[in-house]
Amino acid sequence: MAQLGRIQKVELRDYWKKEDKDFTPWLAKEENIQLLSETIGIDLEVIAQEQNVGPFRADILCKDVATDQYVLIENQLEMTDHTHLGQIMTYAAGLNAVTIIWIARKFDDEHRAALDWLNRITDTTFNFFGIEVGLVKIGDSLAAPIFDIVAQPNDWSKTVKESTKNSVNGELTDIKKAQLNYWNEFTDYARQTGKANFSLQKGLPQHWFNVSVGKSYFNISLAVNSQKNFIRVGLDVLGERAKDNFRFLKEQYEEESRKEISEKIEWYILEDKKQSYIGVQTPYDFLDASTRKQQFEWLIDTTNRFVAFFKPKVRNLQVQ
């Protein structure tokens, strides 16, 4: 019978002596912030460390790539305390739209309850996460970080609240319910098959589903169209410099994209908008449950191609 090792906890201070000199720079590295992104389901792009935001100072300042909103991270290598609780409340009060992530070795029950209370009383503009960080190893292996969520927003109630703003009589319309069900089934299928080489976010009652490429003003979007009966995958190029970025990508990579992604790929420059689009679509009625598996397979395969092709090119793009 094969022998099994035992997980051993490792003291945080054995690897990170100081929060600002050791832990914060470690967390700000791409591969480590990605681990945190996967834990909380938000794709994060690091903007700065020890950054002044107005009169405030954040250990790490990030952007939520999907929404382009600020995400502030406060770090502690010890038990949570009132000082840091006061800091995160000050951040939330001073910024219009922000997600606060409080990382600590251990959360006091009172501080965990405080985050739960903040998530209950605030609207969808604000999100508060409490994350306990740990280190473990097996035998003589390298220590591995673990992020454990101990407090988080009430995603379901906030999603419904936000989604019903434009719905009839405060209830989701039939098409919105169908879209929500579709994306939930899609994420379940992608996780079960293990075929998706990209992060999966929570499905929402809308016709699109975003996938991060790790850079602001760019995202890969999956979409369904119930009027023209097609599904599609594409790269959205957004922002003030969208036209410049689009033209650069088109000049450099259009021909290659037809070989690596699809011969049917289309490059759309939207002259009247701060956006341009590169996409592929195929005919499917997303409401047709009998073809659901084929739709999901196409979406996963095509998204994998977009991610593999565009993600490194966008991340290295110098035109901003």
Protein backbone atom coordinates (compact mmCIF):
# COMPACT_ATOMS: atom_id res chain seq x y z
CA MET A 1 0.00 0.00 0.00
CA ALA A 2 1.32 3.43 -0.98
CA GLN A 3 2.41 5.68 1.85
CA LEU A 4 0.74 9.06 2.33
CA GLY A 5 2.31 12.16 3.76
CA ARG A 6 0.85 14.45 6.39
CA ILE A 7 0.19 18.12 5.94
CA GLN A 8 2.21 20.24 8.33
CA LYS A 9 1.50 23.88 9.13
CA VAL A 10 4.41 26.29 8.71
CA GLU A 11 4.84 29.54 10.62
CA LEU A 12 4.25 32.54 8.37
CA ARG A 13 7.17 34.44 9.87
CA ASP A 14 9.53 31.63 8.84
CA TYR A 15 9.06 32.79 5.24
CA TRP A 16 7.81 36.39 5.53
CA LYS A 17 9.60 38.31 8.26
CA LYS A 18 7.81 41.60 7.62
CA GLU A 19 4.48 42.40 6.00
CA ASP A 20 5.64 45.38 3.94
CA LYS A 21 9.12 44.12 3.00
CA ASP A 22 8.34 40.44 2.38
CA PHE A 23 4.67 39.46 2.24
CA THR A 24 3.32 42.37 0.20
CA PRO A 25 5.96 42.08 -2.58
CA TRP A 26 5.39 38.31 -2.66
CA LEU A 27 1.62 38.68 -3.01
CA ALA A 28 1.99 41.36 -5.69
CA LYS A 29 3.77 38.95 -8.05
CA GLU A 30 1.62 37.81 -10.95
CA GLU A 31 1.51 34.10 -10.05
CA ASN A 32 0.59 34.85 -6.43
CA ILE A 33 -2.06 37.48 -7.07
CA GLN A 34 -3.52 34.97 -9.54
CA LEU A 35 -3.88 32.47 -6.70
CA LEU A 36 -5.82 35.07 -4.72
CA SER A 37 -7.89 35.86 -7.83
CA GLU A 38 -8.87 32.23 -8.20
CA THR A 39 -9.79 32.03 -4.52
CA ILE A 40 -12.23 34.93 -4.53
CA GLY A 41 -13.37 34.72 -8.16
CA ILE A 42 -12.22 38.21 -9.16
CA ASP A 43 -9.50 38.72 -11.76
CA LEU A 44 -7.01 41.16 -10.26
CA GLU A 45 -4.38 43.31 -11.93
CA VAL A 46 -1.80 44.84 -9.58
CA ILE A 47 -1.48 48.59 -10.03
CA ALA A 48 0.91 49.48 -7.21
CA GLN A 49 2.27 48.53 -3.80
CA GLU A 50 2.11 50.82 -0.77
CA GLN A 51 0.03 53.16 -2.88
CA ASN A 52 -1.53 56.43 -1.75
CA VAL A 53 -5.16 56.58 -2.84
CA GLY A 54 -6.25 60.12 -2.08
CA PRO A 55 -5.54 60.54 1.64
CA PHE A 56 -5.34 56.76 2.11
CA ARG A 57 -2.56 54.23 1.67
CA ALA A 58 -3.13 50.66 0.49
CA ASP A 59 -0.73 47.74 0.91
CA ILE A 60 -1.63 46.65 -2.62
CA LEU A 61 -3.80 48.55 -5.07
CA CYS A 62 -5.40 46.43 -7.79
CA LYS A 63 -8.07 46.74 -10.42
CA ASP A 64 -10.87 44.30 -11.01
CA VAL A 65 -10.15 43.62 -14.67
CA ALA A 66 -13.79 42.87 -15.45
CA THR A 67 -15.18 46.12 -14.01
CA ASP A 68 -12.10 48.41 -13.97
CA GLN A 69 -12.88 49.28 -10.34
CA TYR A 70 -10.33 49.58 -7.55
CA VAL A 71 -9.56 46.67 -5.25
CA LEU A 72 -7.62 47.45 -2.07
CA ILE A 73 -5.72 44.74 -0.17
CA GLU A 74 -4.77 45.11 3.49
CA ASN A 75 -2.26 42.57 4.84
CA GLN A 76 -1.56 41.27 8.34
CA LEU A 77 0.68 38.39 9.35
CA GLU A 78 -0.91 38.33 12.79
CA MET A 79 -4.39 38.18 14.33
CA THR A 80 -6.76 40.85 13.04
CA ASP A 81 -7.01 44.04 15.08
CA HIS A 82 -9.18 47.14 15.40
CA THR A 83 -6.60 49.34 13.68
CA HIS A 84 -6.87 47.44 10.40
CA LEU A 85 -10.66 47.24 10.70
CA GLY A 86 -10.73 51.02 10.97
CA GLN A 87 -8.49 51.32 7.92
CA ILE A 88 -10.71 49.22 5.68
CA MET A 89 -13.82 51.14 6.80
CA THR A 90 -12.00 54.39 5.99
CA TYR A 91 -11.15 53.10 2.51
CA ALA A 92 -14.75 52.10 1.88
CA ALA A 93 -16.04 55.48 3.09
CA GLY A 94 -13.58 57.43 0.96
CA LEU A 95 -13.98 55.64 -2.36
CA ASN A 96 -17.10 55.46 -4.49
CA ALA A 97 -16.74 51.90 -5.73
CA VAL A 98 -14.30 49.48 -4.20
CA THR A 99 -13.65 45.91 -3.12
CA ILE A 100 -11.72 45.52 0.12
CA ILE A 101 -9.71 42.35 0.78
CA TRP A 102 -8.41 41.97 4.33
CA ILE A 103 -5.78 39.23 4.61
CA ALA A 104 -4.58 38.02 8.01
CA ARG A 105 -3.12 34.99 9.77
CA LYS A 106 -6.27 34.59 11.86
CA PHE A 107 -9.58 36.45 12.09
CA ASP A 108 -11.06 37.35 15.43
CA ASP A 109 -14.76 36.42 15.60
CA GLU A 110 -15.67 40.07 16.17
CA HIS A 111 -13.83 41.21 13.05
CA ARG A 112 -15.33 38.45 10.94
CA ALA A 113 -18.78 39.49 12.17
CA ALA A 114 -17.95 43.11 11.31
CA LEU A 115 -17.19 42.18 7.68
CA ASP A 116 -20.39 40.13 7.47
CA TRP A 117 -22.29 43.16 8.77
CA LEU A 118 -20.64 45.49 6.25
CA ASN A 119 -21.58 43.13 3.43
CA ARG A 120 -25.18 43.04 4.64
CA ILE A 121 -25.71 46.78 4.97
CA THR A 122 -23.87 47.95 1.83
CA ASP A 123 -25.15 47.77 -1.72
CA THR A 124 -23.48 46.16 -4.72
CA THR A 125 -20.95 49.00 -4.92
CA PHE A 126 -18.97 47.59 -1.99
CA ASN A 127 -17.55 44.13 -1.35
CA PHE A 128 -15.64 43.01 1.73
CA PHE A 129 -13.55 39.84 1.88
CA GLY A 130 -11.81 38.35 4.91
CA ILE A 131 -9.04 35.92 3.94
CA GLU A 132 -6.91 33.82 6.29
CA VAL A 133 -3.49 33.02 4.84
CA GLY A 134 -1.53 29.93 5.80
CA LEU A 135 1.51 27.93 4.78
CA VAL A 136 1.63 24.13 4.63
CA LYS A 137 4.02 21.45 3.43
CA ILE A 138 4.26 17.69 3.24
CA GLY A 139 7.50 16.16 4.48
CA ASP A 140 10.46 18.01 2.97
CA SER A 141 8.41 19.70 0.25
CA LEU A 142 8.40 23.43 -0.35
CA ALA A 143 5.87 25.37 1.69
CA ALA A 144 2.65 26.14 -0.20
CA PRO A 145 0.35 29.09 0.48
CA ILE A 146 -3.31 28.58 1.29
CA PHE A 147 -6.01 31.27 1.17
CA ASP A 148 -9.16 30.49 3.14
CA ILE A 149 -12.22 32.73 2.79
CA VAL A 150 -13.78 33.47 6.18
CA ALA A 151 -15.98 36.41 5.15
CA GLN A 152 -17.33 37.39 1.75
CA PRO A 153 -20.20 39.28 0.10
CA ASN A 154 -23.59 37.65 -0.11
CA ASP A 155 -23.18 37.05 -3.84
CA TRP A 156 -26.62 35.71 -4.48
CA SER A 157 -28.61 38.48 -2.85
CA LYS A 158 -26.38 41.18 -4.37
CA THR A 159 -26.56 39.61 -7.82
CA VAL A 160 -30.35 39.46 -7.71
CA LYS A 161 -30.59 43.02 -6.38
CA GLU A 162 -28.38 44.35 -9.16
CA SER A 163 -29.99 42.26 -11.87
CA THR A 164 -33.56 43.21 -11.02
CA LYS A 165 -33.01 46.96 -11.34
CA ASN A 166 -34.10 46.85 -14.97
CA SER A 167 -36.47 43.87 -14.73
CA VAL A 168 -40.26 43.85 -14.66
CA ASN A 169 -41.88 44.42 -11.23
CA GLY A 170 -38.62 43.57 -9.46
CA GLU A 171 -38.53 40.03 -10.87
CA LEU A 172 -36.13 38.53 -13.40
CA THR A 173 -37.66 38.21 -16.85
CA ASP A 174 -37.83 34.78 -18.47
CA ILE A 175 -34.91 35.56 -20.78
CA LYS A 176 -32.78 36.77 -17.85
CA LYS A 177 -33.57 33.59 -15.94
CA ALA A 178 -32.59 31.55 -19.02
CA GLN A 179 -29.29 33.44 -19.34
CA LEU A 180 -28.47 32.95 -15.66
CA ASN A 181 -29.25 29.24 -15.92
CA TYR A 182 -27.17 28.93 -19.10
CA TRP A 183 -24.02 30.45 -17.60
CA ASN A 184 -24.38 28.47 -14.39
CA GLU A 185 -24.66 25.27 -16.41
CA PHE A 186 -21.69 26.37 -18.50
CA THR A 187 -19.43 26.95 -15.49
CA ASP A 188 -20.53 23.64 -13.95
CA TYR A 189 -19.76 21.81 -17.21
CA ALA A 190 -16.39 23.53 -17.61
CA ARG A 191 -15.35 22.65 -14.06
CA GLN A 192 -16.53 19.04 -14.33
CA THR A 193 -14.73 18.40 -17.62
CA GLY A 194 -11.60 20.33 -16.65
CA LYS A 195 -11.23 21.53 -20.25
CA ALA A 196 -11.29 25.27 -19.62
CA ASN A 197 -7.85 26.88 -19.54
CA PHE A 198 -9.24 30.09 -18.06
CA SER A 199 -10.75 31.36 -14.81
CA LEU A 200 -14.48 30.89 -14.36
CA GLN A 201 -16.49 33.68 -12.80
CA LYS A 202 -19.98 33.55 -11.32
CA GLY A 203 -22.70 33.48 -13.99
CA LEU A 204 -25.04 36.47 -14.13
CA PRO A 205 -28.46 37.02 -15.75
CA GLN A 206 -27.08 38.74 -18.85
CA HIS A 207 -26.25 37.74 -22.41
CA TRP A 208 -22.47 37.84 -21.89
CA PHE A 209 -19.85 36.13 -19.70
CA ASN A 210 -16.42 37.75 -19.26
CA VAL A 211 -13.03 36.05 -19.05
CA SER A 212 -10.01 38.05 -17.93
CA VAL A 213 -6.75 38.36 -19.86
CA GLY A 214 -5.11 40.09 -16.89
CA LYS A 215 -4.95 43.62 -18.27
CA SER A 216 -7.26 46.58 -17.91
CA TYR A 217 -9.28 47.63 -20.98
CA PHE A 218 -9.16 44.13 -22.46
CA ASN A 219 -11.34 41.10 -21.80
CA ILE A 220 -12.56 38.04 -23.60
CA SER A 221 -16.35 37.86 -23.73
CA LEU A 222 -18.60 34.90 -24.40
CA ALA A 223 -22.08 35.85 -25.58
CA VAL A 224 -25.43 34.37 -26.61
CA ASN A 225 -27.98 35.97 -28.94
CA SER A 226 -31.56 34.72 -28.73
CA GLN A 227 -32.85 36.91 -31.58
CA LYS A 228 -30.35 35.95 -34.26
CA ASN A 229 -29.60 32.52 -32.76
CA PHE A 230 -25.83 32.51 -32.46
CA ILE A 231 -23.19 32.20 -29.77
CA ARG A 232 -19.83 33.91 -29.99
CA VAL A 233 -16.44 34.47 -28.37
CA GLY A 234 -14.40 37.62 -28.80
CA LEU A 235 -11.79 39.99 -27.45
CA ASP A 236 -13.13 43.38 -26.35
CA VAL A 237 -10.69 46.28 -26.73
CA LEU A 238 -11.89 49.15 -24.56
CA GLY A 239 -10.97 52.61 -23.33
CA GLU A 240 -9.70 55.93 -24.67
CA ARG A 241 -6.93 54.24 -26.69
CA ALA A 242 -9.09 51.38 -27.97
CA LYS A 243 -8.67 52.36 -31.62
CA ASP A 244 -4.87 52.59 -31.37
CA ASN A 245 -4.63 49.29 -29.53
CA PHE A 246 -6.98 47.60 -31.98
CA ARG A 247 -5.12 48.84 -35.05
CA PHE A 248 -1.80 47.69 -33.58
CA LEU A 249 -3.16 44.20 -32.86
CA LYS A 250 -4.79 43.99 -36.29
CA GLU A 251 -1.64 45.01 -38.12
CA GLN A 252 0.53 42.57 -36.21
CA TYR A 253 -1.70 39.55 -35.70
CA GLU A 254 -4.75 39.43 -37.97
CA GLU A 255 -3.29 36.91 -40.42
CA GLU A 256 -1.89 34.75 -37.63
CA SER A 257 -5.23 34.80 -35.78
CA ARG A 258 -6.95 33.19 -38.76
CA LYS A 259 -4.54 30.27 -38.51
CA GLU A 260 -4.47 29.91 -34.71
CA ILE A 261 -8.09 30.69 -33.81
CA SER A 262 -10.43 30.45 -36.81
CA GLU A 263 -10.63 31.33 -40.48
CA LYS A 264 -13.96 32.97 -39.64
CA ILE A 265 -12.53 35.45 -37.14
CA GLU A 266 -13.73 39.03 -37.72
CA TRP A 267 -12.01 42.27 -36.71
CA TYR A 268 -14.51 45.06 -36.05
CA ILE A 269 -13.36 48.62 -35.43
CA LEU A 270 -16.28 50.54 -33.93
CA GLU A 271 -15.58 54.11 -34.97
CA ASP A 272 -18.44 55.64 -32.97
CA LYS A 273 -17.55 53.92 -29.69
CA LYS A 274 -14.64 53.67 -27.25
CA GLN A 275 -14.49 50.00 -28.08
CA SER A 276 -13.49 47.59 -30.83
CA TYR A 277 -14.01 43.88 -31.11
CA ILE A 278 -12.37 40.74 -32.49
CA GLY A 279 -14.70 37.76 -32.58
CA VAL A 280 -15.95 34.45 -33.91
CA GLN A 281 -19.55 33.27 -33.88
CA THR A 282 -21.42 30.10 -34.78
CA PRO A 283 -25.17 29.41 -35.25
CA TYR A 284 -26.85 27.98 -32.13
CA ASP A 285 -30.05 28.70 -30.23
CA PHE A 286 -28.83 28.96 -26.66
CA LEU A 287 -32.35 28.07 -25.46
CA ASP A 288 -32.12 24.67 -27.20
CA ALA A 289 -31.23 22.29 -24.40
CA SER A 290 -30.66 19.41 -26.84
CA THR A 291 -27.51 21.10 -28.20
CA ARG A 292 -26.30 22.47 -24.88
CA LYS A 293 -23.28 20.16 -24.66
CA GLN A 294 -22.14 21.02 -28.20
CA GLN A 295 -22.52 24.72 -27.41
CA PHE A 296 -20.43 24.43 -24.26
CA GLU A 297 -17.74 22.44 -26.07
CA TRP A 298 -17.52 25.10 -28.78
CA LEU A 299 -17.40 27.94 -26.25
CA ILE A 300 -14.67 26.27 -24.20
CA ASP A 301 -12.54 25.32 -27.21
CA THR A 302 -12.86 28.76 -28.83
CA THR A 303 -12.21 30.60 -25.57
CA ASN A 304 -9.12 28.46 -24.96
CA ARG A 305 -7.85 29.51 -28.39
CA PHE A 306 -8.52 33.20 -27.70
CA VAL A 307 -6.81 33.02 -24.31
CA ALA A 308 -3.74 31.18 -25.63
CA PHE A 309 -3.41 33.54 -28.60
CA PHE A 310 -4.28 36.96 -27.21
CA LYS A 311 -3.38 36.85 -23.51
CA PRO A 312 0.43 37.03 -23.91
CA LYS A 313 0.12 39.60 -26.70
CA VAL A 314 -2.18 41.86 -24.72
CA ARG A 315 -0.13 41.54 -21.52
CA ASN A 316 2.98 42.70 -23.40
CA LEU A 317 1.20 45.44 -25.34
CA GLN A 318 2.97 48.76 -24.90
CA VAL A 319 0.34 50.94 -26.60
CA GLN A 320 -1.96 52.21 -23.80
